[in-house]
Amino acid sequence: MALTGVSTSVVDMSGDTTGLVIAKGTTAERDAISSPQAGMIRDNTETDKVEVYNGTDWRNLVEAGNAAPPLTIEYLVVAGGGGGGGWGGGGGAGGLLTSTLPSLGNTPQFTLTVGIAGTGLGRNPGYVAGGDGGDSIISGTGITTITAEGGGGGGYYSGYSGRSGGSGGGGGISAGSTGSQNSGGAGTAGQGNDGGFGGGYTNSNGVYDGGGGGGGAGAVGNNGQASGNYVGGNGGAGVICNILPAAGATAAGVGEVSGTNVYYAGGGGGHTSGSSIQTVAYFSQGGIGGGGDGGNYYSSYSAQSGATNTGGGGGSAYGASPYGLAGAGGSGIIILKYPDAYSIQVGVGLTSAVDSTSVPGYKVESFTAGTGTITFS
C-alpha cells in the first residue's frame, strides 16, 4: 500500500489486496468524543453503519457515499376506544393525533405505549359504565410528550352519563319522564368529540328510549331517538388518515395502498330498547372508523366490539343473556413514517410490523400493542 502525498489527493492510500480500517466503536463511545470535527468518519459497531460528523450531528453514510437524508418522522397516534355501557351508551373513540416530530438528529430514542381497549360491560352484577380505553403515548428527550387520550366508556341505565375521554361515551338510557336525557361524555379538544345524549321515556310497558352514540374523532355521537322507535344513537364518525398506508396490514386497521379512504376512531352505537320492535332488526350503527354497533336484546342483535387497532368505541348492550355483553373498544395504534435510509430497533414489549415498499423513499412502521423503547439508526 502506498501512503504518499499526490497532486490530486491529500493522501494516497491505494492498494490492490488490502482495505482501509477506520475508527470503530459503539454509539456510547462515539458520543463520548469530546470535540468531533466536521468530516470525521467512523464505523458504528452497534448499527453496522459507517457514520460521518457533519459539524452538528452524526449521520449514516448510504450507498455512493452520500449522507443520509434528514430524519423526519410523521406520526399517527390513536388511543384505545371506550367500551359500551350496560343498557346504555356506546363507547367513545380513542383520541387521535397526527403531525410531524421535530428533527432530533439521526439516532433519537423514544418510548411508545399503545392504548388498550376499554372493557365492554353488561347488566350483571349491576348496570355499569363501559371501561375507558388506554392512552397511546410517544415520549422522549427533546420532544413534548404526545398523549392521545383513551375513549370514554358508555353511560348506563338509569340516569348515568357517558364518561369523558379522547371522545366521550354516549349517555345511558333513563327510566325518567318523557324528555329526560343523560348527557354524553366530553371529548378532548383536538382529539375527538362528545358523546350523544341517551333518551328517557316510560310507557305502560316500561319501554325506554335508546342510548346515546359514542363520540368519534370526526363527529359527535348521535342522540338516542325520541319515544316511538327507541333506537340508540349511531356512533360519531372517525377521520380519514391516508398519509400512512401500509401494505398487507389491513386486518390490523393500518391502511390501504389502493387509494381507498382509511378511517380511524369511530364511536360505538348506543343500545336500542323496546319490546314494541322486538321483531324488527333495529339497531344503531358504529361510526365509520372501527366503531361497534349497538345491541338490541329484543331483536336478538348482539353489541359489536370496536375494530382492533382503530381506536373504535364498543357498542352498548341490554345486559341479559344471551345478548347481554356490551362491546369492548378497539385497541389503539401508533404509526411512524420515516425515510428508508433509517431503521428502527424495537425494544422488548412492543409488537410492530414495517412496510418498506408502499411509499417510495419511506418506511411505514406500525406498532399495534405494548410498551417499549425504539431507537432510530
Protein backbone atom coordinates (compact mmCIF):
# COMPACT_ATOMS: atom_id res chain seq x y z
CA MET A 1 0.00 0.00 0.00
CA ALA A 2 1.24 3.48 -0.86
CA LEU A 3 0.96 6.32 1.66
CA THR A 4 2.15 9.37 -0.21
CA GLY A 5 1.12 12.92 -0.94
CA VAL A 6 -0.11 13.41 -4.53
CA SER A 7 -1.36 16.34 -6.53
CA THR A 8 -5.00 15.17 -6.68
CA SER A 9 -5.43 13.93 -3.13
CA VAL A 10 -4.32 14.86 0.33
CA VAL A 11 -3.13 11.31 0.96
CA ASP A 12 -2.94 8.32 -1.39
CA MET A 13 -3.64 5.05 0.44
CA SER A 14 -4.48 2.95 -2.60
CA GLY A 15 -3.88 -0.80 -2.60
CA ASP A 16 -4.95 -3.82 -4.62
CA THR A 17 -5.26 -6.53 -1.97
CA THR A 18 -5.99 -4.66 1.25
CA GLY A 19 -8.71 -2.46 2.74
CA LEU A 20 -8.88 0.65 4.84
CA VAL A 21 -9.70 0.12 8.51
CA ILE A 22 -11.24 3.19 10.16
CA ALA A 23 -12.06 4.01 13.75
CA LYS A 24 -14.91 1.95 15.14
CA GLY A 25 -16.93 1.56 18.33
CA THR A 26 -20.34 1.71 19.96
CA THR A 27 -22.81 4.59 19.96
CA ALA A 28 -21.87 5.39 23.55
CA GLU A 29 -18.18 5.53 22.63
CA ARG A 30 -18.99 7.81 19.70
CA ASP A 31 -20.96 10.15 21.92
CA ALA A 32 -18.04 10.29 24.34
CA ILE A 33 -15.86 12.04 21.72
CA SER A 34 -15.44 15.45 23.32
CA SER A 35 -14.89 17.62 20.23
CA PRO A 36 -15.78 15.83 17.00
CA GLN A 37 -14.72 17.61 13.81
CA ALA A 38 -16.77 18.01 10.65
CA GLY A 39 -15.84 15.26 8.18
CA MET A 40 -14.86 12.76 10.87
CA ILE A 41 -15.92 9.20 9.95
CA ARG A 42 -16.21 6.02 12.00
CA ASP A 43 -17.80 2.56 11.94
CA ASN A 44 -20.66 2.10 14.45
CA THR A 45 -20.39 -1.49 15.67
CA GLU A 46 -23.92 -1.45 17.12
CA THR A 47 -25.75 -0.36 13.95
CA ASP A 48 -23.22 -1.80 11.46
CA LYS A 49 -23.20 1.52 9.60
CA VAL A 50 -20.46 3.98 8.69
CA GLU A 51 -21.16 7.43 10.16
CA VAL A 52 -19.93 10.91 9.33
CA TYR A 53 -19.99 14.01 11.55
CA ASN A 54 -21.40 16.99 9.62
CA GLY A 55 -20.45 19.62 12.16
CA THR A 56 -23.75 19.32 14.03
CA ASP A 57 -24.57 15.65 14.46
CA TRP A 58 -23.63 12.17 13.27
CA ARG A 59 -25.27 10.90 10.07
CA ASN A 60 -25.23 7.47 8.45
CA LEU A 61 -23.50 7.06 5.10
CA VAL A 62 -25.51 5.40 2.34
CA GLU A 63 -24.51 3.74 -0.91
CA ALA A 64 -22.40 6.02 -3.16
CA GLY A 65 -21.07 7.82 -0.13
CA ASN A 66 -23.84 10.38 0.37
CA ALA A 67 -25.01 11.33 3.85
CA ALA A 68 -28.43 10.03 4.86
CA PRO A 69 -31.34 12.46 4.44
CA PRO A 70 -32.60 14.35 7.48
CA LEU A 71 -34.71 12.18 9.74
CA THR A 72 -38.29 13.47 9.55
CA ILE A 73 -40.92 11.38 11.32
CA GLU A 74 -44.62 11.65 10.60
CA TYR A 75 -46.88 10.04 13.17
CA LEU A 76 -50.42 8.85 13.71
CA VAL A 77 -51.30 8.15 17.34
CA VAL A 78 -54.69 6.63 18.19
CA ALA A 79 -55.70 5.67 21.73
CA GLY A 80 -57.84 2.69 22.74
CA GLY A 81 -61.59 3.08 22.36
CA GLY A 82 -64.01 3.05 25.29
CA GLY A 83 -66.28 0.08 25.94
CA GLY A 84 -70.07 0.19 25.69
CA GLY A 85 -72.16 0.59 28.85
CA GLY A 86 -74.78 -1.78 30.24
CA TRP A 87 -78.18 -0.93 28.70
CA GLY A 88 -76.89 2.47 27.78
CA GLY A 89 -74.49 4.43 25.62
CA GLY A 90 -71.84 3.44 23.12
CA GLY A 91 -68.17 3.81 23.94
CA GLY A 92 -66.28 6.89 22.80
CA ALA A 93 -63.48 6.52 20.28
CA GLY A 94 -59.87 6.86 21.33
CA GLY A 95 -58.25 10.24 20.88
CA LEU A 96 -56.44 10.77 17.57
CA LEU A 97 -53.38 12.93 16.88
CA THR A 98 -51.31 13.23 13.71
CA SER A 99 -48.39 15.52 12.83
CA THR A 100 -44.58 15.52 12.41
CA LEU A 101 -41.94 15.20 15.13
CA PRO A 102 -39.18 17.83 15.29
CA SER A 103 -35.80 16.87 13.80
CA LEU A 104 -33.61 15.39 16.53
CA GLY A 105 -30.56 14.10 14.68
CA ASN A 106 -30.33 10.62 13.21
CA THR A 107 -30.36 8.37 16.29
CA PRO A 108 -33.22 9.54 18.56
CA GLN A 109 -34.82 7.22 21.07
CA PHE A 110 -38.48 7.21 22.07
CA THR A 111 -40.74 5.28 24.40
CA LEU A 112 -44.07 4.19 22.94
CA THR A 113 -47.25 2.96 24.61
CA VAL A 114 -50.14 1.59 22.53
CA GLY A 115 -53.51 2.13 24.26
CA ILE A 116 -55.51 -0.92 25.26
CA ALA A 117 -59.21 -1.42 24.58
CA GLY A 118 -61.82 -0.36 27.13
CA THR A 119 -63.87 -3.22 28.60
CA GLY A 120 -67.45 -3.72 27.46
CA LEU A 121 -69.74 -4.33 30.45
CA GLY A 122 -73.29 -5.60 30.76
CA ARG A 123 -76.19 -5.69 33.16
CA ASN A 124 -74.98 -8.23 35.71
CA PRO A 125 -73.86 -8.00 38.51
CA GLY A 126 -75.17 -4.45 38.07
CA TYR A 127 -75.52 -1.82 35.41
CA VAL A 128 -72.12 -0.22 34.98
CA ALA A 129 -70.37 2.15 32.62
CA GLY A 130 -68.10 0.82 29.93
CA GLY A 131 -64.39 0.85 30.69
CA ASP A 132 -62.24 3.71 29.43
CA GLY A 133 -59.70 3.00 26.70
CA GLY A 134 -55.97 3.28 27.40
CA ASP A 135 -53.83 6.25 26.34
CA SER A 136 -51.39 5.93 23.42
CA ILE A 137 -48.16 7.85 24.08
CA ILE A 138 -44.88 8.89 22.43
CA SER A 139 -42.28 10.34 24.79
CA GLY A 140 -38.56 11.07 24.57
CA THR A 141 -35.83 13.61 25.17
CA GLY A 142 -36.24 16.75 23.07
CA ILE A 143 -39.95 16.41 22.33
CA THR A 144 -43.14 17.33 24.12
CA THR A 145 -44.84 14.11 25.15
CA ILE A 146 -47.63 13.19 22.74
CA THR A 147 -50.64 11.67 24.52
CA ALA A 148 -53.79 10.55 22.74
CA GLU A 149 -56.38 10.03 25.48
CA GLY A 150 -58.35 6.83 25.76
CA GLY A 151 -62.01 6.92 24.74
CA GLY A 152 -64.64 7.35 27.45
CA GLY A 153 -66.84 4.41 28.42
CA GLY A 154 -70.53 4.49 27.57
CA GLY A 155 -73.04 5.51 30.25
CA TYR A 156 -75.50 3.04 31.72
CA TYR A 157 -79.08 2.66 32.93
CA SER A 158 -80.64 4.57 34.76
CA GLY A 159 -79.64 8.21 34.78
CA TYR A 160 -75.90 7.93 34.18
CA SER A 161 -73.96 10.00 31.69
CA GLY A 162 -71.20 8.81 29.40
CA ARG A 163 -67.61 9.11 30.55
CA SER A 164 -65.23 11.71 29.16
CA GLY A 165 -62.10 10.85 27.18
CA GLY A 166 -60.45 11.31 23.78
CA SER A 167 -64.04 11.12 22.56
CA GLY A 168 -66.87 10.93 25.08
CA GLY A 169 -69.06 7.89 25.67
CA GLY A 170 -72.78 8.10 24.92
CA GLY A 171 -75.30 8.81 27.65
CA GLY A 172 -77.17 5.92 29.24
CA ILE A 173 -80.85 5.09 28.90
CA SER A 174 -83.05 6.69 31.55
CA ALA A 175 -86.20 5.43 33.25
CA GLY A 176 -87.24 9.02 33.75
CA SER A 177 -90.09 11.04 32.37
CA THR A 178 -90.65 12.00 28.77
CA GLY A 179 -87.87 14.25 27.53
CA SER A 180 -85.37 13.45 30.26
CA GLN A 181 -81.85 12.87 28.98
CA ASN A 182 -78.48 11.66 30.17
CA SER A 183 -75.64 13.62 28.66
CA GLY A 184 -72.77 12.16 26.71
CA GLY A 185 -69.21 12.39 27.95
CA ALA A 186 -66.98 15.25 26.81
CA GLY A 187 -64.33 14.74 24.15
CA THR A 188 -60.80 16.17 24.35
CA ALA A 189 -60.24 19.27 22.20
CA GLY A 190 -58.17 18.48 19.13
CA GLN A 191 -58.57 14.71 19.60
CA GLY A 192 -62.25 13.83 19.48
CA ASN A 193 -65.87 14.79 20.13
CA ASP A 194 -68.64 14.50 22.70
CA GLY A 195 -70.91 11.51 23.06
CA GLY A 196 -74.63 11.72 22.25
CA PHE A 197 -77.46 12.03 24.76
CA GLY A 198 -79.33 8.98 26.00
CA GLY A 199 -83.11 9.33 26.00
CA GLY A 200 -85.65 8.94 28.76
CA TYR A 201 -89.26 7.84 28.37
CA THR A 202 -91.57 5.42 30.09
CA ASN A 203 -94.87 3.99 28.83
CA SER A 204 -97.26 1.43 30.23
CA ASN A 205 -95.00 -1.40 29.07
CA GLY A 206 -91.91 0.03 30.72
CA VAL A 207 -90.23 0.77 27.39
CA TYR A 208 -87.28 3.15 27.27
CA ASP A 209 -85.58 5.25 24.66
CA GLY A 210 -82.25 4.37 23.08
CA GLY A 211 -78.78 5.09 24.45
CA GLY A 212 -76.52 7.77 23.02
CA GLY A 213 -73.84 7.01 20.48
CA GLY A 214 -70.21 7.41 21.45
CA GLY A 215 -68.30 10.35 20.01
CA GLY A 216 -65.84 9.87 17.16
CA ALA A 217 -62.67 11.68 16.13
CA GLY A 218 -64.58 13.36 13.30
CA ALA A 219 -68.09 13.92 14.70
CA VAL A 220 -70.18 13.92 17.86
CA GLY A 221 -72.20 10.85 18.79
CA ASN A 222 -75.87 10.85 17.82
CA ASN A 223 -78.62 11.11 20.42
CA GLY A 224 -80.89 8.20 21.22
CA GLN A 225 -84.10 8.52 19.22
CA ALA A 226 -87.23 10.01 20.73
CA SER A 227 -90.04 7.84 22.02
CA GLY A 228 -91.66 5.66 19.41
CA ASN A 229 -88.68 3.86 17.87
CA TYR A 230 -86.39 3.59 20.88
CA VAL A 231 -83.34 3.24 18.64
CA GLY A 232 -79.95 4.06 20.06
CA GLY A 233 -77.86 6.82 18.56
CA ASN A 234 -75.25 5.97 15.94
CA GLY A 235 -71.62 6.44 16.87
CA GLY A 236 -69.81 9.53 15.65
CA ALA A 237 -67.67 9.14 12.54
CA GLY A 238 -63.91 8.83 12.66
CA VAL A 239 -61.47 10.66 10.40
CA ILE A 240 -59.58 9.75 7.24
CA CYS A 241 -55.86 9.10 7.64
CA ASN A 242 -54.42 8.23 4.25
CA ILE A 243 -50.93 9.68 4.64
CA LEU A 244 -49.63 6.47 6.19
CA PRO A 245 -50.61 3.47 4.05
CA ALA A 246 -49.20 0.05 4.91
CA ALA A 247 -49.44 -2.93 2.60
CA GLY A 248 -50.70 -6.24 3.87
CA ALA A 249 -51.79 -4.88 7.23
CA THR A 250 -55.43 -4.08 6.65
CA ALA A 251 -56.56 -6.70 9.18
CA ALA A 252 -54.94 -4.56 11.86
CA GLY A 253 -56.69 -1.45 10.56
CA VAL A 254 -53.39 0.03 9.45
CA GLY A 255 -54.24 1.25 6.00
CA GLU A 256 -54.71 0.63 2.32
CA VAL A 257 -52.40 1.08 -0.65
CA SER A 258 -55.20 1.10 -3.20
CA GLY A 259 -56.26 4.68 -2.54
CA THR A 260 -59.32 3.67 -0.50
CA ASN A 261 -60.08 6.09 2.29
CA VAL A 262 -58.95 4.77 5.67
CA TYR A 263 -60.80 5.89 8.80
CA TYR A 264 -59.82 5.64 12.45
CA ALA A 265 -61.55 6.35 15.76
CA GLY A 266 -65.28 5.91 15.15
CA GLY A 267 -67.68 5.92 18.11
CA GLY A 268 -69.74 2.95 19.32
CA GLY A 269 -73.51 2.72 18.85
CA GLY A 270 -75.97 3.12 21.73
CA HIS A 271 -78.30 0.34 22.86
CA THR A 272 -81.72 0.06 21.23
CA SER A 273 -84.60 -0.67 23.60
CA GLY A 274 -88.28 -1.53 23.41
CA SER A 275 -90.38 -4.68 23.17
CA SER A 276 -92.58 -2.98 20.56
CA ILE A 277 -89.89 -3.55 17.95
CA GLN A 278 -88.75 -6.98 19.06
CA THR A 279 -89.47 -8.50 15.65
CA VAL A 280 -87.66 -5.77 13.72
CA ALA A 281 -83.90 -5.64 13.32
CA TYR A 282 -83.48 -2.12 14.64
CA PHE A 283 -80.00 -1.35 15.89
CA SER A 284 -77.64 1.60 15.97
CA GLN A 285 -74.52 1.63 13.86
CA GLY A 286 -70.99 2.23 15.00
CA GLY A 287 -69.24 5.21 13.46
CA ILE A 288 -67.06 4.64 10.39
CA GLY A 289 -63.55 4.07 11.62
CA GLY A 290 -63.98 0.93 13.69
CA GLY A 291 -66.96 1.77 15.93
CA GLY A 292 -69.04 -1.23 17.07
CA ASP A 293 -72.81 -1.47 16.50
CA GLY A 294 -75.14 -1.18 19.47
CA GLY A 295 -77.14 -4.23 20.50
CA ASN A 296 -80.89 -4.86 20.64
CA TYR A 297 -81.93 -7.61 23.03
CA TYR A 298 -85.45 -7.85 21.64
CA SER A 299 -84.20 -8.28 18.08
CA SER A 300 -81.52 -10.78 19.13
CA TYR A 301 -78.79 -8.48 17.85
CA SER A 302 -75.60 -8.54 19.90
CA ALA A 303 -73.47 -5.49 20.51
CA GLN A 304 -70.26 -5.34 18.49
CA SER A 305 -66.78 -4.51 19.71
CA GLY A 306 -64.67 -1.77 18.18
CA ALA A 307 -62.26 -2.94 15.48
CA THR A 308 -58.75 -3.88 16.59
CA ASN A 309 -56.10 -1.17 16.16
CA THR A 310 -58.58 1.54 15.11
CA GLY A 311 -59.48 3.04 18.49
CA GLY A 312 -63.16 2.49 17.71
CA GLY A 313 -65.70 2.59 20.55
CA GLY A 314 -67.67 -0.51 21.58
CA GLY A 315 -71.42 -0.82 21.14
CA SER A 316 -73.79 -0.90 24.14
CA ALA A 317 -75.99 -3.87 25.16
CA TYR A 318 -79.02 -4.61 27.30
CA GLY A 319 -77.13 -6.89 29.63
CA ALA A 320 -79.18 -10.10 29.74
CA SER A 321 -78.17 -13.46 28.33
CA PRO A 322 -77.62 -14.34 25.52
CA TYR A 323 -77.13 -10.85 24.08
CA GLY A 324 -76.02 -9.11 27.22
CA LEU A 325 -72.36 -8.26 26.97
CA ALA A 326 -71.58 -4.80 25.62
CA GLY A 327 -68.83 -4.50 23.04
CA ALA A 328 -65.28 -3.73 24.07
CA GLY A 329 -63.48 -0.82 22.47
CA GLY A 330 -60.94 -1.28 19.72
CA SER A 331 -57.28 -1.17 20.72
CA GLY A 332 -55.15 1.79 19.63
CA ILE A 333 -52.24 2.06 17.24
CA ILE A 334 -49.11 4.16 16.61
CA ILE A 335 -47.79 4.52 13.04
CA LEU A 336 -44.49 6.18 12.13
CA LYS A 337 -43.40 7.13 8.61
CA TYR A 338 -39.70 7.93 8.08
CA PRO A 339 -37.01 7.93 5.31
CA ASP A 340 -35.99 4.44 4.23
CA ALA A 341 -32.30 5.21 4.84
CA TYR A 342 -33.08 4.61 8.52
CA SER A 343 -34.17 1.65 10.58
CA ILE A 344 -35.84 1.24 13.98
CA GLN A 345 -34.53 -1.06 16.67
CA VAL A 346 -37.64 -2.18 18.55
CA GLY A 347 -37.24 -2.94 22.23
CA VAL A 348 -38.84 -5.72 24.22
CA GLY A 349 -42.53 -5.23 24.95
CA LEU A 350 -43.69 -3.76 21.63
CA THR A 351 -45.38 -5.52 18.72
CA SER A 352 -44.67 -3.94 15.33
CA ALA A 353 -44.50 -4.50 11.59
CA VAL A 354 -42.66 -2.45 8.97
CA ASP A 355 -43.66 -1.82 5.36
CA SER A 356 -40.72 -0.81 3.13
CA THR A 357 -42.41 -0.87 -0.27
CA SER A 358 -45.72 1.00 -0.32
CA VAL A 359 -44.41 4.56 -0.05
CA PRO A 360 -41.35 5.17 -2.28
CA GLY A 361 -38.43 6.51 -0.26
CA TYR A 362 -40.07 5.78 3.11
CA LYS A 363 -40.74 3.08 5.64
CA VAL A 364 -44.05 2.87 7.47
CA GLU A 365 -43.84 1.11 10.83
CA SER A 366 -46.97 0.19 12.75
CA PHE A 367 -46.95 -0.50 16.49
CA THR A 368 -50.01 -2.50 17.46
CA ALA A 369 -49.54 -3.46 21.12
CA GLY A 370 -47.40 -3.00 24.21
CA THR A 371 -44.99 -0.53 25.78
CA GLY A 372 -41.28 -0.27 24.97
CA THR A 373 -38.40 1.76 23.59
CA ILE A 374 -37.45 2.32 19.96
CA THR A 375 -34.14 3.66 18.63
CA PHE A 376 -33.51 5.01 15.12
CA SER A 377 -30.27 4.17 13.34
